[in-house]
PDB file of N, CA and C in Angstrom:
ATOM      1  N   MET A   1      10.820   3.692  17.865  1.00  0.00           N
ATOM      2  CA  MET A   1      11.389   2.728  16.949  1.00  0.00           C
ATOM      3  C   MET A   1      12.519   1.972  17.652  1.00  0.00           C
ATOM      4  N   THR A   2      12.598   0.670  17.430  1.00  0.00           N
ATOM      5  CA  THR A   2      13.652  -0.136  18.038  1.00  0.00           C
ATOM      6  C   THR A   2      14.956   0.065  17.288  1.00  0.00           C
ATOM      7  N   LYS A   3      16.042  -0.084  18.000  1.00  0.00           N
ATOM      8  CA  LYS A   3      17.353   0.051  17.371  1.00  0.00           C
ATOM      9  C   LYS A   3      17.689  -1.208  16.606  1.00  0.00           C
ATOM     10  N   SER A   4      18.268  -1.026  15.424  1.00  0.00           N
ATOM     11  CA  SER A   4      18.662  -2.152  14.585  1.00  0.00           C
ATOM     12  C   SER A   4      19.957  -2.751  15.098  1.00  0.00           C
ATOM     13  N   ASN A   5      20.168  -4.006  14.762  1.00  0.00           N
ATOM     14  CA  ASN A   5      21.396  -4.698  15.110  1.00  0.00           C
ATOM     15  C   ASN A   5      22.286  -4.694  13.878  1.00  0.00           C
ATOM     16  N   LEU A   6      22.962  -3.560  13.629  1.00  0.00           N
ATOM     17  CA  LEU A   6      23.811  -3.431  12.450  1.00  0.00           C
ATOM     18  C   LEU A   6      25.140  -4.138  12.649  1.00  0.00           C
ATOM     19  N   LYS A   7      25.688  -4.666  11.580  1.00  0.00           N
ATOM     20  CA  LYS A   7      27.005  -5.284  11.624  1.00  0.00           C
ATOM     21  C   LYS A   7      28.079  -4.213  11.821  1.00  0.00           C
ATOM     22  N   LEU A   8      27.827  -3.014  11.276  1.00  0.00           N
ATOM     23  CA  LEU A   8      28.770  -1.919  11.387  1.00  0.00           C
ATOM     24  C   LEU A   8      28.610  -1.250  12.749  1.00  0.00           C
ATOM     25  N   ALA A   9      29.700  -1.177  13.508  1.00  0.00           N
ATOM     26  CA  ALA A   9      29.678  -0.505  14.813  1.00  0.00           C
ATOM     27  C   ALA A   9      29.708   1.002  14.606  1.00  0.00           C
ATOM     28  N   LYS A  10      29.459   1.748  15.676  1.00  0.00           N
ATOM     29  CA  LYS A  10      29.519   3.196  15.606  1.00  0.00           C
ATOM     30  C   LYS A  10      30.918   3.602  15.170  1.00  0.00           C
ATOM     31  N   LEU A  11      30.994   4.576  14.262  1.00  0.00           N
ATOM     32  CA  LEU A  11      32.270   4.971  13.684  1.00  0.00           C
ATOM     33  C   LEU A  11      33.181   5.656  14.689  1.00  0.00           C
ATOM     34  N   PRO A  12      34.478   5.324  14.660  1.00  0.00           N
ATOM     35  CA  PRO A  12      35.442   6.038  15.494  1.00  0.00           C
ATOM     36  C   PRO A  12      35.809   7.355  14.805  1.00  0.00           C
ATOM     37  N   ASP A  13      36.397   8.277  15.543  1.00  0.00           N
ATOM     38  CA  ASP A  13      36.918   9.489  14.913  1.00  0.00           C
ATOM     39  C   ASP A  13      38.137   9.102  14.085  1.00  0.00           C
ATOM     40  N   MET A  14      38.194   9.616  12.853  1.00  0.00           N
ATOM     41  CA  MET A  14      39.333   9.282  11.997  1.00  0.00           C
ATOM     42  C   MET A  14      39.534  10.360  10.943  1.00  0.00           C
ATOM     43  N   LYS A  15      40.750  10.488  10.476  1.00  0.00           N
ATOM     44  CA  LYS A  15      41.050  11.412   9.386  1.00  0.00           C
ATOM     45  C   LYS A  15      41.272  10.565   8.135  1.00  0.00           C
ATOM     46  N   PRO A  16      40.317  10.576   7.207  1.00  0.00           N
ATOM     47  CA  PRO A  16      40.411   9.686   6.045  1.00  0.00           C
ATOM     48  C   PRO A  16      41.285  10.235   4.919  1.00  0.00           C
ATOM     49  N   ALA A  17      41.786   9.313   4.093  1.00  0.00           N
ATOM     50  CA  ALA A  17      42.420   9.665   2.831  1.00  0.00           C
ATOM     51  C   ALA A  17      41.297   9.794   1.809  1.00  0.00           C
ATOM     52  N   LYS A  18      41.417  10.722   0.883  1.00  0.00           N
ATOM     53  CA  LYS A  18      40.360  10.959  -0.105  1.00  0.00           C
ATOM     54  C   LYS A  18      40.492   9.994  -1.277  1.00  0.00           C
ATOM     55  N   MET A  19      39.322   9.535  -1.774  1.00  0.00           N
ATOM     56  CA  MET A  19      39.268   8.622  -2.912  1.00  0.00           C
ATOM     57  C   MET A  19      37.937   8.855  -3.620  1.00  0.00           C
ATOM     58  N   THR A  20      37.945   8.816  -4.931  1.00  0.00           N
ATOM     59  CA  THR A  20      36.716   8.998  -5.697  1.00  0.00           C
ATOM     60  C   THR A  20      36.342   7.681  -6.356  1.00  0.00           C
ATOM     61  N   VAL A  21      35.079   7.285  -6.214  1.00  0.00           N
ATOM     62  CA  VAL A  21      34.578   6.074  -6.854  1.00  0.00           C
ATOM     63  C   VAL A  21      33.233   6.371  -7.500  1.00  0.00           C
ATOM     64  N   ALA A  22      32.901   5.609  -8.517  1.00  0.00           N
ATOM     65  CA  ALA A  22      31.585   5.703  -9.159  1.00  0.00           C
ATOM     66  C   ALA A  22      30.768   4.493  -8.724  1.00  0.00           C
ATOM     67  N   LEU A  23      29.542   4.723  -8.243  1.00  0.00           N
ATOM     68  CA  LEU A  23      28.692   3.642  -7.751  1.00  0.00           C
ATOM     69  C   LEU A  23      27.443   3.541  -8.605  1.00  0.00           C
ATOM     70  N   PRO A  24      26.970   2.316  -8.850  1.00  0.00           N
ATOM     71  CA  PRO A  24      25.698   2.167  -9.548  1.00  0.00           C
ATOM     72  C   PRO A  24      24.571   2.762  -8.698  1.00  0.00           C
ATOM     73  N   PRO A  25      23.533   3.296  -9.345  1.00  0.00           N
ATOM     74  CA  PRO A  25      22.444   3.938  -8.597  1.00  0.00           C
ATOM     75  C   PRO A  25      21.795   3.045  -7.546  1.00  0.00           C
ATOM     76  N   ASP A  26      21.628   1.757  -7.835  1.00  0.00           N
ATOM     77  CA  ASP A  26      20.985   0.885  -6.850  1.00  0.00           C
ATOM     78  C   ASP A  26      21.855   0.696  -5.613  1.00  0.00           C
ATOM     79  N   LEU A  27      23.170   0.613  -5.784  1.00  0.00           N
ATOM     80  CA  LEU A  27      24.073   0.499  -4.640  1.00  0.00           C
ATOM     81  C   LEU A  27      24.065   1.803  -3.836  1.00  0.00           C
ATOM     82  N   MET A  28      24.091   2.936  -4.520  1.00  0.00           N
ATOM     83  CA  MET A  28      24.049   4.221  -3.828  1.00  0.00           C
ATOM     84  C   MET A  28      22.758   4.360  -3.028  1.00  0.00           C
ATOM     85  N   GLY A  29      21.663   3.919  -3.601  1.00  0.00           N
ATOM     86  CA  GLY A  29      20.386   3.958  -2.885  1.00  0.00           C
ATOM     87  C   GLY A  29      20.419   3.117  -1.629  1.00  0.00           C
ATOM     88  N   ASP A  30      20.985   1.918  -1.729  1.00  0.00           N
ATOM     89  CA  ASP A  30      21.099   1.050  -0.553  1.00  0.00           C
ATOM     90  C   ASP A  30      21.997   1.673   0.513  1.00  0.00           C
ATOM     91  N   LEU A  31      23.075   2.314   0.088  1.00  0.00           N
ATOM     92  CA  LEU A  31      23.968   2.962   1.048  1.00  0.00           C
ATOM     93  C   LEU A  31      23.275   4.134   1.742  1.00  0.00           C
ATOM     94  N   GLU A  32      22.454   4.869   1.019  1.00  0.00           N
ATOM     95  CA  GLU A  32      21.702   5.970   1.629  1.00  0.00           C
ATOM     96  C   GLU A  32      20.687   5.433   2.645  1.00  0.00           C
ATOM     97  N   ILE A  33      20.047   4.326   2.325  1.00  0.00           N
ATOM     98  CA  ILE A  33      19.132   3.688   3.278  1.00  0.00           C
ATOM     99  C   ILE A  33      19.910   3.215   4.505  1.00  0.00           C
ATOM    100  N   TYR A  34      21.071   2.618   4.294  1.00  0.00           N
ATOM    101  CA  TYR A  34      21.903   2.162   5.409  1.00  0.00           C
ATOM    102  C   TYR A  34      22.258   3.341   6.315  1.00  0.00           C
ATOM    103  N   ALA A  35      22.600   4.485   5.714  1.00  0.00           N
ATOM    104  CA  ALA A  35      22.947   5.669   6.500  1.00  0.00           C
ATOM    105  C   ALA A  35      21.761   6.126   7.351  1.00  0.00           C
ATOM    106  N   LYS A  36      20.558   6.029   6.820  1.00  0.00           N
ATOM    107  CA  LYS A  36      19.364   6.383   7.600  1.00  0.00           C
ATOM    108  C   LYS A  36      19.175   5.426   8.773  1.00  0.00           C
ATOM    109  N   ILE A  37      19.379   4.142   8.537  1.00  0.00           N
ATOM    110  CA  ILE A  37      19.259   3.148   9.608  1.00  0.00           C
ATOM    111  C   ILE A  37      20.356   3.367  10.647  1.00  0.00           C
ATOM    112  N   TYR A  38      21.558   3.703  10.193  1.00  0.00           N
ATOM    113  CA  TYR A  38      22.666   4.014  11.105  1.00  0.00           C
ATOM    114  C   TYR A  38      22.269   5.167  12.023  1.00  0.00           C
ATOM    115  N   GLU A  39      21.681   6.223  11.444  1.00  0.00           N
ATOM    116  CA  GLU A  39      21.257   7.374  12.235  1.00  0.00           C
ATOM    117  C   GLU A  39      20.197   6.979  13.263  1.00  0.00           C
ATOM    118  N   GLN A  40      19.240   6.151  12.862  1.00  0.00           N
ATOM    119  CA  GLN A  40      18.206   5.692  13.793  1.00  0.00           C
ATOM    120  C   GLN A  40      18.811   4.844  14.906  1.00  0.00           C
ATOM    121  N   THR A  41      19.808   4.048  14.565  1.00  0.00           N
ATOM    122  CA  THR A  41      20.427   3.142  15.534  1.00  0.00           C
ATOM    123  C   THR A  41      21.290   3.878  16.541  1.00  0.00           C
ATOM    124  N   TYR A  42      22.124   4.807  16.056  1.00  0.00           N
ATOM    125  CA  TYR A  42      23.102   5.463  16.921  1.00  0.00           C
ATOM    126  C   TYR A  42      22.746   6.913  17.276  1.00  0.00           C
ATOM    127  N   GLY A  43      21.667   7.456  16.685  1.00  0.00           N
ATOM    128  CA  GLY A  43      21.280   8.828  16.969  1.00  0.00           C
ATOM    129  C   GLY A  43      22.273   9.849  16.466  1.00  0.00           C
ATOM    130  N   GLU A  44      23.046   9.468  15.470  1.00  0.00           N
ATOM    131  CA  GLU A  44      24.088  10.330  14.919  1.00  0.00           C
ATOM    132  C   GLU A  44      24.063  10.217  13.409  1.00  0.00           C
ATOM    133  N   LYS A  45      23.829  11.328  12.742  1.00  0.00           N
ATOM    134  CA  LYS A  45      23.777  11.322  11.279  1.00  0.00           C
ATOM    135  C   LYS A  45      25.190  11.289  10.715  1.00  0.00           C
ATOM    136  N   GLN A  46      25.418  10.383   9.783  1.00  0.00           N
ATOM    137  CA  GLN A  46      26.706  10.271   9.092  1.00  0.00           C
ATOM    138  C   GLN A  46      26.436  10.212   7.597  1.00  0.00           C
ATOM    139  N   PRO A  47      27.232  10.905   6.802  1.00  0.00           N
ATOM    140  CA  PRO A  47      27.080  10.777   5.353  1.00  0.00           C
ATOM    141  C   PRO A  47      27.574   9.405   4.898  1.00  0.00           C
ATOM    142  N   VAL A  48      27.076   8.979   3.769  1.00  0.00           N
ATOM    143  CA  VAL A  48      27.453   7.668   3.228  1.00  0.00           C
ATOM    144  C   VAL A  48      28.968   7.539   3.129  1.00  0.00           C
ATOM    145  N   ASN A  49      29.638   8.582   2.656  1.00  0.00           N
ATOM    146  CA  ASN A  49      31.092   8.477   2.470  1.00  0.00           C
ATOM    147  C   ASN A  49      31.850   8.297   3.788  1.00  0.00           C
ATOM    148  N   ALA A  50      31.238   8.626   4.917  1.00  0.00           N
ATOM    149  CA  ALA A  50      31.876   8.383   6.214  1.00  0.00           C
ATOM    150  C   ALA A  50      31.700   6.932   6.662  1.00  0.00           C
ATOM    151  N   LEU A  51      30.659   6.266   6.180  1.00  0.00           N
ATOM    152  CA  LEU A  51      30.397   4.876   6.555  1.00  0.00           C
ATOM    153  C   LEU A  51      31.217   3.874   5.728  1.00  0.00           C
ATOM    154  N   ILE A  52      31.474   4.218   4.493  1.00  0.00           N
ATOM    155  CA  ILE A  52      32.109   3.277   3.560  1.00  0.00           C
ATOM    156  C   ILE A  52      33.461   2.744   4.042  1.00  0.00           C
ATOM    157  N   PRO A  53      34.383   3.556   4.594  1.00  0.00           N
ATOM    158  CA  PRO A  53      35.669   2.991   5.039  1.00  0.00           C
ATOM    159  C   PRO A  53      35.512   1.869   6.068  1.00  0.00           C
ATOM    160  N   SER A  54      34.607   2.042   7.023  1.00  0.00           N
ATOM    161  CA  SER A  54      34.405   0.982   8.024  1.00  0.00           C
ATOM    162  C   SER A  54      33.749  -0.242   7.402  1.00  0.00           C
ATOM    163  N   MET A  55      32.881  -0.024   6.418  1.00  0.00           N
ATOM    164  CA  MET A  55      32.263  -1.155   5.718  1.00  0.00           C
ATOM    165  C   MET A  55      33.326  -1.968   4.976  1.00  0.00           C
ATOM    166  N   ILE A  56      34.216  -1.274   4.293  1.00  0.00           N
ATOM    167  CA  ILE A  56      35.282  -1.963   3.550  1.00  0.00           C
ATOM    168  C   ILE A  56      36.225  -2.677   4.515  1.00  0.00           C
ATOM    169  N   ALA A  57      36.581  -2.011   5.614  1.00  0.00           N
ATOM    170  CA  ALA A  57      37.467  -2.646   6.608  1.00  0.00           C
ATOM    171  C   ALA A  57      36.826  -3.903   7.172  1.00  0.00           C
ATOM    172  N   GLY A  58      35.537  -3.846   7.464  1.00  0.00           N
ATOM    173  CA  GLY A  58      34.830  -5.022   7.971  1.00  0.00           C
ATOM    174  C   GLY A  58      34.789  -6.141   6.962  1.00  0.00           C
ATOM    175  N   PHE A  59      34.574  -5.777   5.696  1.00  0.00           N
ATOM    176  CA  PHE A  59      34.562  -6.777   4.633  1.00  0.00           C
ATOM    177  C   PHE A  59      35.933  -7.462   4.536  1.00  0.00           C
ATOM    178  N   LEU A  60      36.996  -6.671   4.509  1.00  0.00           N
ATOM    179  CA  LEU A  60      38.337  -7.253   4.403  1.00  0.00           C
ATOM    180  C   LEU A  60      38.678  -8.113   5.614  1.00  0.00           C
ATOM    181  N   ALA A  61      38.259  -7.676   6.791  1.00  0.00           N
ATOM    182  CA  ALA A  61      38.537  -8.446   8.009  1.00  0.00           C
ATOM    183  C   ALA A  61      37.815  -9.786   8.011  1.00  0.00           C
ATOM    184  N   SER A  62      36.697  -9.870   7.303  1.00  0.00           N
ATOM    185  CA  SER A  62      35.937 -11.126   7.286  1.00  0.00           C
ATOM    186  C   SER A  62      36.259 -11.997   6.077  1.00  0.00           C
ATOM    187  N   ASP A  63      37.142 -11.535   5.197  1.00  0.00           N
ATOM    188  CA  ASP A  63      37.491 -12.282   3.982  1.00  0.00           C
ATOM    189  C   ASP A  63      38.706 -13.166   4.272  1.00  0.00           C
ATOM    190  N   HIS A  64      38.441 -14.435   4.556  1.00  0.00           N
ATOM    191  CA  HIS A  64      39.523 -15.360   4.926  1.00  0.00           C
ATOM    192  C   HIS A  64      40.523 -15.561   3.794  1.00  0.00           C
ATOM    193  N   GLY A  65      40.061 -15.583   2.561  1.00  0.00           N
ATOM    194  CA  GLY A  65      40.967 -15.727   1.418  1.00  0.00           C
ATOM    195  C   GLY A  65      41.919 -14.553   1.317  1.00  0.00           C
ATOM    196  N   PHE A  66      41.398 -13.351   1.545  1.00  0.00           N
ATOM    197  CA  PHE A  66      42.244 -12.159   1.523  1.00  0.00           C
ATOM    198  C   PHE A  66      43.284 -12.213   2.632  1.00  0.00           C
ATOM    199  N   LYS A  67      42.856 -12.565   3.844  1.00  0.00           N
ATOM    200  CA  LYS A  67      43.789 -12.604   4.974  1.00  0.00           C
ATOM    201  C   LYS A  67      44.904 -13.617   4.722  1.00  0.00           C
ATOM    202  N   LYS A  68      44.551 -14.760   4.160  1.00  0.00           N
ATOM    203  CA  LYS A  68      45.570 -15.787   3.869  1.00  0.00           C
ATOM    204  C   LYS A  68      46.542 -15.290   2.823  1.00  0.00           C
ATOM    205  N   ALA A  69      46.026 -14.719   1.731  1.00  0.00           N
ATOM    206  CA  ALA A  69      46.883 -14.206   0.668  1.00  0.00           C
ATOM    207  C   ALA A  69      47.763 -13.061   1.180  1.00  0.00           C
ATOM    208  N   LYS A  70      47.233 -12.228   2.039  1.00  0.00           N
ATOM    209  CA  LYS A  70      47.993 -11.114   2.599  1.00  0.00           C
ATOM    210  C   LYS A  70      49.159 -11.640   3.425  1.00  0.00           C
ATOM    211  N   ARG A  71      48.920 -12.670   4.235  1.00  0.00           N
ATOM    212  CA  ARG A  71      49.999 -13.279   5.031  1.00  0.00           C
ATOM    213  C   ARG A  71      51.082 -13.852   4.117  1.00  0.00           C
ATOM    214  N   GLU A  72      50.676 -14.466   3.013  1.00  0.00           N
ATOM    215  CA  GLU A  72      51.633 -15.080   2.094  1.00  0.00           C
ATOM    216  C   GLU A  72      52.483 -14.026   1.387  1.00  0.00           C
ATOM    217  N   LEU A  73      51.959 -12.818   1.224  1.00  0.00           N
ATOM    218  CA  LEU A  73      52.725 -11.745   0.589  1.00  0.00           C
ATOM    219  C   LEU A  73      53.759 -11.137   1.522  1.00  0.00           C
ATOM    220  N   ALA A  74      53.544 -11.255   2.811  1.00  0.00           N
ATOM    221  CA  ALA A  74      54.442 -10.634   3.799  1.00  0.00           C
ATOM    222  C   ALA A  74      55.737 -11.372   3.952  1.00  0.00           C
TER     223      ALA A  74
END
């Protein structure tokens, strides 16, 4: 199988802060599929909850409106 070109890079080692969220079943299903593709791409199994922080960080880094508003708050 060919490796996918995922937007999410291989996860760095990190010690996360704990947070609980409720996800709709369709979103959870998509995240589980993403985790399977991640494993195929990098040869390393990661649980969905380990992928989510990097996904959120990537989303925030690409949100120009957020970055502008964040600068204005500083």
